[in-house]
Protein backbone atom coordinates (compact mmCIF):
# COMPACT_ATOMS: atom_id res chain seq x y z
CA MET A 1 105.93 150.43 -0.03
CA ASN A 2 106.42 150.93 3.36
CA ALA A 3 103.87 149.09 5.67
CA PRO A 4 102.70 151.15 8.18
CA VAL A 5 104.37 151.82 11.79
CA GLN A 6 102.19 150.65 14.70
CA ALA A 7 102.56 152.33 18.16
CA PRO A 8 104.21 150.18 20.82
CA GLY A 9 100.92 150.31 22.65
CA GLU A 10 99.02 148.80 19.72
CA ILE A 11 101.19 146.16 19.49
CA GLY A 12 101.02 145.31 23.26
CA ARG A 13 96.93 144.81 23.01
CA LYS A 14 96.92 142.87 19.90
CA MET A 15 99.45 140.17 21.81
CA ALA A 16 97.14 140.05 25.03
CA ARG A 17 94.32 138.76 23.21
CA PRO A 18 95.73 135.60 22.40
CA LEU A 19 97.48 135.31 25.56
CA THR A 20 94.68 135.76 27.25
CA VAL A 21 93.05 132.68 25.34
CA PHE A 22 96.07 130.81 25.58
CA ALA A 23 96.23 131.31 29.54
CA LEU A 24 92.33 130.47 29.61
CA TRP A 25 92.73 127.12 27.42
CA LEU A 26 95.29 126.16 29.56
CA GLY A 27 93.66 126.61 32.94
CA VAL A 28 90.48 124.76 31.26
CA SER A 29 92.91 121.95 30.28
CA ILE A 30 94.41 121.42 33.49
CA VAL A 31 91.00 120.72 35.32
CA ALA A 32 88.79 119.16 32.35
CA VAL A 33 91.66 116.29 31.39
CA PRO A 34 91.93 114.73 35.26
CA LEU A 35 87.54 115.30 35.06
CA VAL A 36 87.29 113.45 31.75
CA LEU A 37 89.82 110.76 32.62
CA MET A 38 87.56 109.85 35.98
CA ILE A 39 84.47 110.06 33.74
CA HIS A 40 86.13 107.41 31.54
CA GLU A 41 86.95 105.37 34.29
CA LEU A 42 83.74 105.52 35.84
CA GLY A 43 82.08 104.26 32.62
CA HIS A 44 84.53 101.08 33.23
CA LEU A 45 83.36 100.82 36.86
CA LEU A 46 79.57 101.28 36.58
CA MET A 47 79.48 98.74 33.68
CA ALA A 48 81.33 96.50 35.75
CA ILE A 49 79.09 96.73 38.61
CA ALA A 50 76.13 96.31 36.34
CA VAL A 51 77.42 93.11 34.45
CA GLY A 52 78.22 91.60 38.00
CA PHE A 53 82.02 91.99 38.02
CA HIS A 54 83.42 91.13 41.79
CA GLN A 55 85.86 93.13 43.65
CA VAL A 56 85.50 95.86 41.31
CA ARG A 57 87.85 98.83 42.38
CA LEU A 58 88.42 102.30 40.82
CA HIS A 59 92.05 103.38 40.50
CA TYR A 60 92.91 106.83 39.11
CA GLU A 61 93.75 105.75 35.71
CA SER A 62 92.45 102.07 35.78
CA VAL A 63 89.53 99.88 37.24
CA THR A 64 90.60 96.25 38.27
CA TYR A 65 87.81 93.52 38.93
CA ALA A 66 88.58 89.97 40.46
CA ASP A 67 90.67 87.59 38.08
CA GLN A 68 90.83 90.07 35.37
CA ASP A 69 95.21 89.42 35.08
CA LEU A 70 94.47 85.63 35.23
CA PHE A 71 91.66 86.20 32.29
CA TRP A 72 93.98 88.36 30.45
CA GLN A 73 97.18 86.20 30.78
CA ARG A 74 95.02 82.94 29.67
CA MET A 75 93.40 84.99 26.37
CA GLN A 76 97.25 85.93 25.54
CA SER A 77 98.49 82.37 26.04
CA GLY A 78 95.86 81.07 23.55
CA ALA A 79 93.46 79.51 26.61
CA LYS A 80 90.53 80.90 25.55
CA ALA A 81 88.22 78.52 26.99
CA GLN A 82 89.71 78.65 30.39
CA ALA A 83 89.60 82.59 30.02
CA GLU A 84 85.85 82.24 29.01
CA ALA A 85 85.30 80.24 32.50
CA LEU A 86 86.45 83.06 34.41
CA SER A 87 84.57 85.52 32.72
CA PRO A 88 82.34 85.48 29.82
CA PHE A 89 83.72 87.63 26.76
CA TRP A 90 80.68 89.60 26.26
CA LYS A 91 80.92 91.04 29.83
CA VAL A 92 84.55 92.09 29.26
CA ALA A 93 83.57 93.41 25.90
CA VAL A 94 80.80 95.54 27.40
CA VAL A 95 83.47 96.82 30.49
CA GLU A 96 86.04 97.50 27.76
CA ILE A 97 83.67 99.80 25.76
CA ALA A 98 82.08 101.16 28.37
CA GLY A 99 84.97 103.98 28.89
CA PRO A 100 85.15 105.32 25.51
CA LEU A 101 81.65 105.56 25.43
CA ALA A 102 81.51 107.58 28.59
CA SER A 103 84.05 109.85 27.13
CA LEU A 104 82.27 110.03 23.71
CA ALA A 105 79.18 111.22 25.86
CA THR A 106 81.32 113.91 27.57
CA LEU A 107 82.46 115.33 24.33
CA PHE A 108 79.11 115.64 22.83
CA ILE A 109 77.85 116.87 25.66
CA ALA A 110 80.42 119.52 26.34
CA GLY A 111 80.01 120.26 22.72
CA ASP A 112 75.90 120.81 22.84
CA THR A 113 76.93 122.93 25.80
CA CYS A 114 79.15 125.10 23.90
CA ALA A 115 77.18 125.39 21.10
CA ALA A 116 74.29 126.46 23.04
CA SER A 117 75.89 128.98 24.74
CA GLY A 118 77.57 130.16 21.46
CA SER A 119 81.15 130.17 23.40
CA LEU A 120 83.96 128.69 21.78
CA LEU A 121 86.20 131.36 22.59
């Protein structure tokens, strides 16, 4: 059996919808990715301030605090007692997990917002 022949205008309309959706998602991603990255880093920053780290600095791709490099050098060399003297392990762990938790919270809030509006495209 022969397949029905489609008119050229009909083919264009069928292609327009996926291209429009792609362009919309691309545009949203260009804005959302840096925004979510900053929310992630803000989670690290706020927790570092909350637990009392000194000289906390927010960079676009990271958060640093006083003696951070020295702490990790001592940890990698096996001098855990000296690293603990610089920064208690629990404080470092809380700061490290704060970024991913902020990212997860953003994911759940965005998902709930999309579900409430009934729109995922």
